[in-house]
C-alpha atoms as a PDB file:
ATOM      1  CA  MET A   1      50.379  76.470 234.363  1.00  0.00           C
ATOM      2  CA  THR A   2      51.473  79.190 236.795  1.00  0.00           C
ATOM      3  CA  TYR A   3      54.716  78.962 238.811  1.00  0.00           C
ATOM      4  CA  PRO A   4      52.708  78.592 242.193  1.00  0.00           C
ATOM      5  CA  GLU A   5      50.671  75.740 240.365  1.00  0.00           C
ATOM      6  CA  LEU A   6      53.895  73.901 239.325  1.00  0.00           C
ATOM      7  CA  GLN A   7      55.413  74.296 242.820  1.00  0.00           C
ATOM      8  CA  GLN A   8      52.216  72.713 244.256  1.00  0.00           C
ATOM      9  CA  LEU A   9      52.399  69.835 241.679  1.00  0.00           C
ATOM     10  CA  LEU A  10      55.913  69.238 242.662  1.00  0.00           C
ATOM     11  CA  ALA A  11      55.440  69.691 246.343  1.00  0.00           C
ATOM     12  CA  ASP A  12      53.097  66.618 246.149  1.00  0.00           C
ATOM     13  CA  LYS A  13      56.025  64.564 244.509  1.00  0.00           C
ATOM     14  CA  VAL A  14      59.277  65.576 245.952  1.00  0.00           C
ATOM     15  CA  GLU A  15      60.236  66.593 249.769  1.00  0.00           C
ATOM     16  CA  GLN A  16      62.493  69.474 248.873  1.00  0.00           C
ATOM     17  CA  PRO A  17      60.650  72.821 248.065  1.00  0.00           C
ATOM     18  CA  LEU A  18      61.329  74.313 244.800  1.00  0.00           C
ATOM     19  CA  SER A  19      60.422  77.903 243.526  1.00  0.00           C
ATOM     20  CA  PHE A  20      60.686  79.081 239.988  1.00  0.00           C
ATOM     21  CA  ALA A  21      61.465  82.477 238.097  1.00  0.00           C
ATOM     22  CA  GLN A  22      61.491  83.411 234.484  1.00  0.00           C
ATOM     23  CA  VAL A  23      64.966  84.617 233.361  1.00  0.00           C
ATOM     24  CA  ASP A  24      63.653  84.863 229.693  1.00  0.00           C
ATOM     25  CA  ALA A  25      61.253  83.105 227.288  1.00  0.00           C
ATOM     26  CA  LYS A  26      63.321  79.812 227.121  1.00  0.00           C
ATOM     27  CA  ILE A  27      65.222  79.766 230.581  1.00  0.00           C
ATOM     28  CA  LEU A  28      63.631  79.093 233.893  1.00  0.00           C
ATOM     29  CA  ARG A  29      65.780  79.527 237.001  1.00  0.00           C
ATOM     30  CA  VAL A  30      64.947  76.763 239.744  1.00  0.00           C
ATOM     31  CA  PHE A  31      65.463  77.496 243.323  1.00  0.00           C
ATOM     32  CA  THR A  32      65.844  75.237 246.311  1.00  0.00           C
ATOM     33  CA  GLU A  33      67.216  75.269 249.961  1.00  0.00           C
ATOM     34  CA  ILE A  34      69.775  73.099 251.292  1.00  0.00           C
ATOM     35  CA  LYS A  35      70.015  72.732 254.949  1.00  0.00           C
ATOM     36  CA  ALA A  36      73.592  71.660 256.366  1.00  0.00           C
ATOM     37  CA  LEU A  37      74.161  71.908 260.067  1.00  0.00           C
ATOM     38  CA  PHE A  38      73.275  75.356 261.007  1.00  0.00           C
ATOM     39  CA  LEU A  39      73.258  76.879 257.686  1.00  0.00           C
ATOM     40  CA  THR A  40      70.352  77.041 255.031  1.00  0.00           C
ATOM     41  CA  LYS A  41      71.736  77.829 251.582  1.00  0.00           C
ATOM     42  CA  THR A  42      69.712  78.857 248.630  1.00  0.00           C
ATOM     43  CA  LEU A  43      70.931  77.132 245.192  1.00  0.00           C
ATOM     44  CA  HIS A  44      69.719  77.746 241.848  1.00  0.00           C
ATOM     45  CA  VAL A  45      70.129  76.361 238.617  1.00  0.00           C
ATOM     46  CA  ASP A  46      69.050  77.641 235.162  1.00  0.00           C
ATOM     47  CA  MET A  47      66.949  75.226 232.834  1.00  0.00           C
ATOM     48  CA  ARG A  48      66.905  76.046 229.167  1.00  0.00           C
ATOM     49  CA  ILE A  49      64.176  74.814 226.992  1.00  0.00           C
ATOM     50  CA  GLU A  50      66.018  73.424 224.026  1.00  0.00           C
ATOM     51  CA  GLU A  51      63.196  71.830 222.156  1.00  0.00           C
ATOM     52  CA  LEU A  52      59.706  70.775 221.737  1.00  0.00           C
ATOM     53  CA  LYS A  53      59.212  67.770 219.576  1.00  0.00           C
ATOM     54  CA  GLY A  54      55.515  66.354 219.736  1.00  0.00           C
ATOM     55  CA  THR A  55      54.887  66.212 223.474  1.00  0.00           C
ATOM     56  CA  ASP A  56      58.434  65.666 224.267  1.00  0.00           C
ATOM     57  CA  LEU A  57      60.386  68.544 225.903  1.00  0.00           C
ATOM     58  CA  ARG A  58      64.025  68.624 225.746  1.00  0.00           C
ATOM     59  CA  VAL A  59      65.712  70.879 228.576  1.00  0.00           C
ATOM     60  CA  SER A  60      69.236  71.274 229.640  1.00  0.00           C
ATOM     61  CA  PHE A  61      70.945  72.489 232.788  1.00  0.00           C
ATOM     62  CA  GLY A  62      73.995  74.023 231.352  1.00  0.00           C
ATOM     63  CA  GLU A  63      77.489  72.494 231.240  1.00  0.00           C
ATOM     64  CA  GLY A  64      79.880  71.526 233.873  1.00  0.00           C
ATOM     65  CA  MET A  65      80.288  69.503 236.830  1.00  0.00           C
ATOM     66  CA  ALA A  66      78.040  71.486 239.112  1.00  0.00           C
ATOM     67  CA  SER A  67      74.936  71.303 236.610  1.00  0.00           C
ATOM     68  CA  ALA A  68      75.395  67.613 236.318  1.00  0.00           C
ATOM     69  CA  MET A  69      75.459  67.061 239.995  1.00  0.00           C
ATOM     70  CA  LEU A  70      72.392  69.111 240.468  1.00  0.00           C
ATOM     71  CA  LEU A  71      70.780  67.130 237.956  1.00  0.00           C
ATOM     72  CA  ASN A  72      71.603  63.771 239.523  1.00  0.00           C
ATOM     73  CA  VAL A  73      70.381  65.162 242.898  1.00  0.00           C
ATOM     74  CA  VAL A  74      67.080  66.194 241.260  1.00  0.00           C
ATOM     75  CA  MET A  75      66.680  62.825 239.489  1.00  0.00           C
ATOM     76  CA  LYS A  76      67.108  60.918 242.838  1.00  0.00           C
ATOM     77  CA  MET A  77      64.768  63.156 244.474  1.00  0.00           C
ATOM     78  CA  ILE A  78      62.005  62.252 242.008  1.00  0.00           C
ATOM     79  CA  GLU A  79      62.953  58.737 241.805  1.00  0.00           C
ATOM     80  CA  GLY A  80      60.197  56.444 242.896  1.00  0.00           C
ATOM     81  CA  LYS A  81      57.704  59.659 243.127  1.00  0.00           C
ATOM     82  CA  VAL A  82      57.336  60.666 239.588  1.00  0.00           C
ATOM     83  CA  SER A  83      56.353  58.012 237.050  1.00  0.00           C
ATOM     84  CA  GLU A  84      59.700  56.929 235.223  1.00  0.00           C
ATOM     85  CA  ALA A  85      57.834  57.335 231.850  1.00  0.00           C
ATOM     86  CA  VAL A  86      57.685  61.239 232.737  1.00  0.00           C
ATOM     87  CA  PHE A  87      61.577  61.942 232.848  1.00  0.00           C
ATOM     88  CA  GLU A  88      64.303  60.537 230.824  1.00  0.00           C
ATOM     89  CA  GLN A  89      67.978  61.798 231.314  1.00  0.00           C
ATOM     90  CA  VAL A  90      69.950  62.487 228.445  1.00  0.00           C
ATOM     91  CA  GLY A  91      73.520  63.326 228.415  1.00  0.00           C
ATOM     92  CA  ASN A  92      75.212  65.021 231.380  1.00  0.00           C
ATOM     93  CA  GLY A  93      73.194  68.100 231.605  1.00  0.00           C
ATOM     94  CA  GLY A  94      69.707  67.187 230.060  1.00  0.00           C
ATOM     95  CA  ILE A  95      66.394  65.641 230.394  1.00  0.00           C
ATOM     96  CA  VAL A  96      63.478  64.994 228.267  1.00  0.00           C
ATOM     97  CA  VAL A  97      60.126  65.543 229.973  1.00  0.00           C
ATOM     98  CA  HIS A  98      57.481  63.237 228.180  1.00  0.00           C
ATOM     99  CA  LEU A  99      54.363  65.656 228.713  1.00  0.00           C
ATOM    100  CA  SER A 100      52.116  63.224 227.541  1.00  0.00           C
ATOM    101  CA  ALA A 101      52.855  60.923 230.665  1.00  0.00           C
ATOM    102  CA  ILE A 102      51.839  63.647 233.195  1.00  0.00           C
ATOM    103  CA  ASP A 103      48.297  62.865 234.197  1.00  0.00           C
ATOM    104  CA  GLN A 104      47.290  66.706 234.246  1.00  0.00           C
ATOM    105  CA  LEU A 105      48.249  67.221 230.791  1.00  0.00           C
ATOM    106  CA  SER A 106      47.516  63.679 229.113  1.00  0.00           C
ATOM    107  CA  GLU A 107      43.942  64.379 228.257  1.00  0.00           C
ATOM    108  CA  VAL A 108      44.581  67.916 226.748  1.00  0.00           C
ATOM    109  CA  LEU A 109      47.663  66.506 224.696  1.00  0.00           C
ATOM    110  CA  GLN A 110      45.104  64.201 223.022  1.00  0.00           C
ATOM    111  CA  LYS A 111      43.128  67.240 221.649  1.00  0.00           C
ATOM    112  CA  VAL A 112      45.827  69.661 220.976  1.00  0.00           C
ATOM    113  CA  THR A 113      49.067  69.455 218.849  1.00  0.00           C
ATOM    114  CA  LEU A 114      51.684  71.414 220.627  1.00  0.00           C
ATOM    115  CA  TYR A 115      54.066  73.466 218.719  1.00  0.00           C
ATOM    116  CA  ASP A 116      55.939  75.835 221.244  1.00  0.00           C
ATOM    117  CA  LEU A 117      56.384  76.498 224.881  1.00  0.00           C
ATOM    118  CA  ASN A 118      57.311  79.850 226.181  1.00  0.00           C
ATOM    119  CA  LEU A 119      58.215  81.163 229.866  1.00  0.00           C
ATOM    120  CA  THR A 120      56.397  84.245 230.883  1.00  0.00           C
ATOM    121  CA  PRO A 121      56.758  86.075 234.329  1.00  0.00           C
ATOM    122  CA  GLU A 122      53.528  84.355 235.391  1.00  0.00           C
ATOM    123  CA  GLY A 123      54.098  80.720 234.387  1.00  0.00           C
ATOM    124  CA  ILE A 124      54.749  78.328 231.428  1.00  0.00           C
ATOM    125  CA  GLU A 125      52.681  79.038 228.453  1.00  0.00           C
ATOM    126  CA  LEU A 126      52.023  75.972 226.076  1.00  0.00           C
ATOM    127  CA  GLN A 127      51.163  76.844 222.662  1.00  0.00           C
ATOM    128  CA  GLY A 128      49.276  74.473 220.149  1.00  0.00           C
ATOM    129  CA  ASN A 129      46.465  73.767 217.624  1.00  0.00           C
ATOM    130  CA  LEU A 130      43.127  72.041 218.438  1.00  0.00           C
ATOM    131  CA  ASN A 131      43.283  68.632 216.231  1.00  0.00           C
ATOM    132  CA  ASN A 132      40.670  68.359 213.826  1.00  0.00           C
ATOM    133  CA  ASN A 133      39.508  64.863 214.936  1.00  0.00           C
ATOM    134  CA  HIS A 134      38.131  66.128 218.499  1.00  0.00           C
END
């Protein structure tokens, strides 16, 4: 999935525009603009891919109060717009994304066993093996 595709997918779900840039193979920088009075401020947070277990992707947003606050803002933004089955907040700075609960991925994930997820300059690359029974 390319970053523009991810932007479009999320644009349909959340009002706040988000953009993305790869930092390295496991860190994605997420940008958003916050408008306050006459100022527009661009904020970013680095999202680290911690672990892919089955179809559950654990990501963290770093340590500290700023990351925890931003995570809470993001969770409130998607509340009621994205199925609660997709995201699960864990700890102060992390979430688990249940990939099989995402409509665009669920059918594919029935046929593929994932073993890794990497970030490229163009987008997100899922790596897996075809299941024998499909």
